[in-house]
Amino acid sequence: MTLDLGIAGRTAIVCASSRGLGRGCASELARAGCRVVVNGRDAGTLRRTADELTAATGAEIIPVAGDLSTPEGRAAVLAAAPEPDILVNNNGGPPLRDFRDVDHEALLAGIEANMASPIALVQAVIDGMVARRFGRIVNITSFSVKMPVAGLDLSSGARAGLTGFLAGVARSVAHANVTLNFLLPGSFDTDRIRSNYAAAAEQEGVEADEIARRRLASIPAGRLGEPGEFGAACAFLCSARAGYITAQSIVVDGGAYPGIL
């Protein structure tokens, strides 16, 4: 028996969804009956993703190529869905590097991609959600917001800034059945984690397989997560059943984060 999430017929924008965790979220929202705008920078990859999701779910999938770190990219996705019911903010993080190597230009680019751009999209859609008395916003950040990782300092800082900025916003719109939450992924089987393994291996002078072995050893679940598992968590937060959950940072990491809060 499939849980009815109560969002069939709703319109969702899922940022950076041509692959990885974003695609996992788009897929699960499509399975729940949503019309889904998918986005990515590579038009060919995005088109294939849209075709595959359409074939797998039967949902209406609208591909919009563009870089959401730019005003033009954001305008394009909003033109495809001017009044979305659901927004899933997502963007690739800065590459793994020593904090000493983060110059001013790189710092601003990281903040633009992982803090300023998501905020701009929230600003564009939230008043319409309030007026319609339904809205679900999920921001994909990182478990490093709670447990910073050396080398991901810029990613951790920008995403923590996004969390702090939107926490008060969430409370200001909760009365209108509009929720804002944060999903904090740990280690998932994506292109991103493989590139991180390769970068860490180069820095340490070891094989990428050795980095992967160490990371798996630190995960109580003993494996990487699957994007579909993450997408299912996202779809529930976007559901009609999740209206009493807001301003929460939910870690999805197989138990790797050792804290209780």
Protein backbone atom coordinates (compact mmCIF):
# COMPACT_ATOMS: atom_id res chain seq x y z
CA MET A 1 0.00 0.00 0.00
CA THR A 2 1.41 3.39 -1.03
CA LEU A 3 1.13 6.29 1.40
CA ASP A 4 -0.94 9.08 -0.12
CA LEU A 5 1.06 12.25 0.45
CA GLY A 6 -1.82 14.47 -0.52
CA ILE A 7 0.10 16.47 -3.11
CA ALA A 8 -1.14 14.99 -6.38
CA GLY A 9 -1.66 17.82 -8.85
CA ARG A 10 0.68 20.19 -7.02
CA THR A 11 3.52 21.94 -8.85
CA ALA A 12 7.09 21.52 -7.62
CA ILE A 13 10.38 23.15 -8.55
CA VAL A 14 13.37 20.96 -7.75
CA CYS A 15 16.68 22.74 -8.20
CA ALA A 16 19.81 20.98 -9.48
CA SER A 17 17.82 17.84 -10.19
CA SER A 18 19.36 16.34 -13.31
CA ARG A 19 21.30 13.89 -11.13
CA GLY A 20 22.11 12.89 -7.56
CA LEU A 21 19.99 13.89 -4.59
CA GLY A 22 18.03 16.47 -6.54
CA ARG A 23 16.98 13.84 -9.04
CA GLY A 24 16.00 11.55 -6.17
CA CYS A 25 13.71 14.28 -4.81
CA ALA A 26 12.22 15.03 -8.23
CA SER A 27 11.51 11.35 -8.82
CA GLU A 28 9.67 10.87 -5.54
CA LEU A 29 7.61 14.03 -5.99
CA ALA A 30 6.66 12.88 -9.48
CA ARG A 31 5.61 9.49 -8.06
CA ALA A 32 3.43 11.38 -5.58
CA GLY A 33 1.58 12.96 -8.51
CA CYS A 34 3.28 16.34 -8.74
CA ARG A 35 4.03 18.29 -11.88
CA VAL A 36 7.79 18.78 -11.54
CA VAL A 37 10.16 21.39 -12.95
CA VAL A 38 13.63 19.86 -13.07
CA ASN A 39 16.80 21.86 -13.50
CA GLY A 40 20.47 21.45 -14.33
CA ARG A 41 23.29 23.19 -16.12
CA ASP A 42 23.87 20.52 -18.76
CA ALA A 43 20.95 20.56 -21.18
CA GLY A 44 21.64 17.08 -22.55
CA THR A 45 21.81 15.40 -19.15
CA LEU A 46 18.72 17.31 -18.05
CA ARG A 47 16.74 16.24 -21.11
CA ARG A 48 17.61 12.58 -20.51
CA THR A 49 16.61 12.89 -16.86
CA ALA A 50 13.28 14.45 -17.80
CA ASP A 51 12.55 11.71 -20.33
CA GLU A 52 13.47 8.97 -17.86
CA LEU A 53 11.35 10.44 -15.06
CA THR A 54 8.39 10.85 -17.41
CA ALA A 55 8.68 7.23 -18.52
CA ALA A 56 9.06 5.94 -14.95
CA THR A 57 6.30 7.97 -13.29
CA GLY A 58 3.92 9.22 -15.97
CA ALA A 59 4.12 12.68 -14.41
CA GLU A 60 4.53 15.95 -16.27
CA ILE A 61 8.25 16.79 -16.08
CA ILE A 62 9.41 20.19 -17.31
CA PRO A 63 13.17 20.58 -17.89
CA VAL A 64 14.68 24.04 -17.48
CA ALA A 65 18.41 24.33 -18.11
CA GLY A 66 20.28 27.07 -16.29
CA ASP A 67 22.61 28.07 -13.49
CA LEU A 68 20.53 29.00 -10.45
CA SER A 69 23.42 31.03 -9.08
CA THR A 70 22.50 33.62 -11.72
CA PRO A 71 19.40 35.84 -11.93
CA GLU A 72 18.79 34.49 -15.44
CA GLY A 73 18.76 30.88 -14.24
CA ARG A 74 16.35 31.65 -11.41
CA ALA A 75 14.09 33.63 -13.74
CA ALA A 76 13.92 30.68 -16.13
CA VAL A 77 12.69 28.17 -13.54
CA LEU A 78 10.20 30.67 -12.14
CA ALA A 79 8.89 31.37 -15.64
CA ALA A 80 8.18 27.63 -16.01
CA ALA A 81 6.28 27.59 -12.68
CA PRO A 82 5.39 31.10 -11.50
CA GLU A 83 3.25 29.82 -8.61
CA PRO A 84 4.84 26.64 -7.30
CA ASP A 85 3.37 24.81 -4.33
CA ILE A 86 6.70 23.17 -3.53
CA LEU A 87 10.28 24.41 -3.78
CA VAL A 88 13.27 22.18 -3.20
CA ASN A 89 16.40 24.30 -2.98
CA ASN A 90 19.56 22.50 -3.98
CA ASN A 91 22.89 23.41 -5.52
CA GLY A 92 26.32 21.87 -5.83
CA GLY A 93 28.73 22.78 -3.07
CA PRO A 94 32.21 24.29 -3.41
CA PRO A 95 35.04 21.80 -4.06
CA LEU A 96 37.01 20.25 -1.23
CA ARG A 97 39.97 22.52 -0.40
CA ASP A 98 41.97 23.97 2.46
CA PHE A 99 40.37 27.09 3.90
CA ARG A 100 43.60 29.01 3.19
CA ASP A 101 42.96 28.53 -0.52
CA VAL A 102 39.51 30.15 -0.42
CA ASP A 103 40.12 33.60 -1.87
CA HIS A 104 37.60 36.43 -1.81
CA GLU A 105 36.15 35.58 -5.21
CA ALA A 106 35.65 31.92 -4.25
CA LEU A 107 34.10 32.97 -0.94
CA LEU A 108 31.52 35.13 -2.66
CA ALA A 109 30.75 32.42 -5.23
CA GLY A 110 30.13 29.87 -2.48
CA ILE A 111 27.84 32.21 -0.59
CA GLU A 112 25.97 33.07 -3.80
CA ALA A 113 25.39 29.43 -4.73
CA ASN A 114 24.58 27.99 -1.31
CA MET A 115 22.99 30.88 0.56
CA ALA A 116 22.01 33.92 -1.53
CA SER A 117 20.43 32.06 -4.48
CA PRO A 118 18.20 29.80 -2.36
CA ILE A 119 17.07 32.84 -0.38
CA ALA A 120 16.21 34.67 -3.62
CA LEU A 121 14.02 31.77 -4.75
CA VAL A 122 12.26 31.65 -1.39
CA GLN A 123 11.61 35.38 -1.61
CA ALA A 124 10.11 34.91 -5.08
CA VAL A 125 7.62 32.17 -4.17
CA ILE A 126 6.72 32.45 -0.50
CA ASP A 127 4.07 35.20 -0.65
CA GLY A 128 2.09 33.23 -3.22
CA MET A 129 2.26 30.16 -1.00
CA VAL A 130 0.97 32.19 1.94
CA ALA A 131 -1.89 33.58 -0.13
CA ARG A 132 -2.89 30.09 -1.30
CA ARG A 133 -2.51 28.66 2.22
CA PHE A 134 -0.19 25.88 1.13
CA GLY A 135 3.54 25.80 0.63
CA ARG A 136 6.40 23.42 1.23
CA ILE A 137 10.03 24.53 0.99
CA VAL A 138 12.85 22.05 1.57
CA ASN A 139 16.44 23.24 1.55
CA ILE A 140 19.07 20.58 0.91
CA THR A 141 22.11 21.57 2.94
CA SER A 142 24.63 19.14 4.45
CA PHE A 143 25.32 17.20 7.64
CA SER A 144 28.46 19.38 7.82
CA VAL A 145 26.18 22.19 9.06
CA LYS A 146 26.02 20.23 12.34
CA MET A 147 29.40 18.51 12.08
CA PRO A 148 31.82 20.68 10.05
CA VAL A 149 34.34 18.85 7.90
CA ALA A 150 37.81 20.24 7.22
CA GLY A 151 38.03 21.18 3.56
CA LEU A 152 34.31 21.84 3.29
CA ASP A 153 34.49 25.03 5.35
CA LEU A 154 32.94 27.26 2.71
CA SER A 155 30.10 24.82 2.08
CA SER A 156 29.45 24.43 5.81
CA GLY A 157 29.52 28.18 6.42
CA ALA A 158 27.24 29.16 3.54
CA ARG A 159 24.70 26.44 4.32
CA ALA A 160 24.72 27.27 8.02
CA GLY A 161 24.05 30.88 7.02
CA LEU A 162 21.09 29.77 4.91
CA THR A 163 19.74 27.76 7.84
CA GLY A 164 20.00 30.69 10.23
CA PHE A 165 18.47 33.14 7.77
CA LEU A 166 15.43 31.01 6.99
CA ALA A 167 14.74 29.71 10.52
CA GLY A 168 12.95 32.91 11.46
CA VAL A 169 11.20 33.08 8.09
CA ALA A 170 9.77 29.61 8.71
CA ARG A 171 8.13 30.72 11.92
CA SER A 172 6.65 33.82 10.30
CA VAL A 173 4.65 31.82 7.73
CA ALA A 174 3.74 28.67 9.67
CA HIS A 175 0.25 30.06 10.38
CA ALA A 176 -0.50 29.91 6.63
CA ASN A 177 0.33 26.20 6.23
CA VAL A 178 3.69 27.08 4.68
CA THR A 179 6.67 25.16 6.01
CA LEU A 180 10.43 25.54 5.53
CA ASN A 181 12.71 22.68 6.52
CA PHE A 182 16.28 21.56 5.96
CA LEU A 183 17.50 18.13 4.90
CA LEU A 184 21.12 17.46 5.81
CA PRO A 185 22.54 14.60 3.73
CA GLY A 186 25.53 12.59 4.82
CA SER A 187 27.28 10.19 2.44
CA PHE A 188 25.17 9.20 -0.56
CA ASP A 189 26.05 7.28 -3.69
CA THR A 190 26.37 10.26 -6.03
CA ASP A 191 28.89 11.81 -8.43
CA ARG A 192 29.57 14.46 -5.77
CA ILE A 193 30.86 12.00 -3.18
CA ARG A 194 33.03 10.23 -5.72
CA SER A 195 34.65 13.55 -6.66
CA ASN A 196 35.21 14.29 -2.96
CA TYR A 197 36.87 10.91 -2.51
CA ALA A 198 39.15 11.62 -5.46
CA ALA A 199 40.09 15.07 -4.14
CA ALA A 200 40.79 13.74 -0.64
CA ALA A 201 42.86 10.90 -2.06
CA GLU A 202 44.97 13.33 -4.06
CA GLN A 203 45.57 15.50 -0.99
CA GLU A 204 46.57 12.55 1.17
CA GLY A 205 48.50 10.64 -1.48
CA VAL A 206 46.37 7.49 -1.19
CA GLU A 207 43.95 5.63 -3.43
CA ALA A 208 40.34 6.80 -3.63
CA ASP A 209 39.25 3.30 -2.54
CA GLU A 210 41.07 3.83 0.74
CA ILE A 211 39.20 7.08 1.35
CA ALA A 212 35.92 5.33 0.56
CA ARG A 213 36.76 2.48 2.96
CA ARG A 214 37.44 4.92 5.79
CA ARG A 215 34.23 6.83 5.18
CA LEU A 216 32.12 3.66 5.12
CA ALA A 217 33.72 2.56 8.39
CA SER A 218 32.42 5.76 10.01
CA ILE A 219 28.78 5.11 8.99
CA PRO A 220 26.84 2.88 11.41
CA ALA A 221 24.58 1.75 8.57
CA GLY A 222 27.68 0.38 6.87
CA ARG A 223 26.84 1.72 3.43
CA LEU A 224 26.22 4.81 1.34
CA GLY A 225 22.69 6.12 1.12
CA GLU A 226 20.65 5.84 -2.06
CA PRO A 227 19.28 9.03 -3.67
CA GLY A 228 15.80 7.50 -3.69
CA GLU A 229 15.89 7.15 0.11
CA PHE A 230 16.73 10.81 0.43
CA GLY A 231 14.04 11.69 -2.09
CA ALA A 232 11.43 9.83 -0.05
CA ALA A 233 12.30 11.89 3.04
CA CYS A 234 12.05 15.06 0.97
CA ALA A 235 8.68 14.04 -0.50
CA PHE A 236 7.25 13.45 2.96
CA LEU A 237 8.35 16.91 4.14
CA CYS A 238 6.63 18.31 1.05
CA SER A 239 3.43 16.39 1.75
CA ALA A 240 0.10 17.58 3.08
CA ARG A 241 0.77 15.34 6.10
CA ALA A 242 3.86 17.29 7.18
CA GLY A 243 2.24 20.64 7.93
CA TYR A 244 3.27 20.54 11.61
CA ILE A 245 6.97 20.13 10.85
CA THR A 246 8.80 23.38 10.20
CA ALA A 247 12.16 25.07 10.83
CA GLN A 248 13.76 21.66 11.39
CA SER A 249 17.19 20.43 10.32
CA ILE A 250 16.86 16.71 9.69
CA VAL A 251 20.05 14.68 9.25
CA VAL A 252 19.85 11.78 6.79
CA ASP A 253 23.21 10.04 7.11
CA GLY A 254 22.90 6.43 8.25
CA GLY A 255 23.72 7.40 11.84
CA ALA A 256 27.09 9.03 11.16
CA TYR A 257 26.37 12.25 13.02
CA PRO A 258 27.16 11.47 16.69
CA GLY A 259 25.11 14.20 18.38
CA ILE A 260 21.65 14.05 19.90
CA LEU A 261 20.49 17.51 18.75
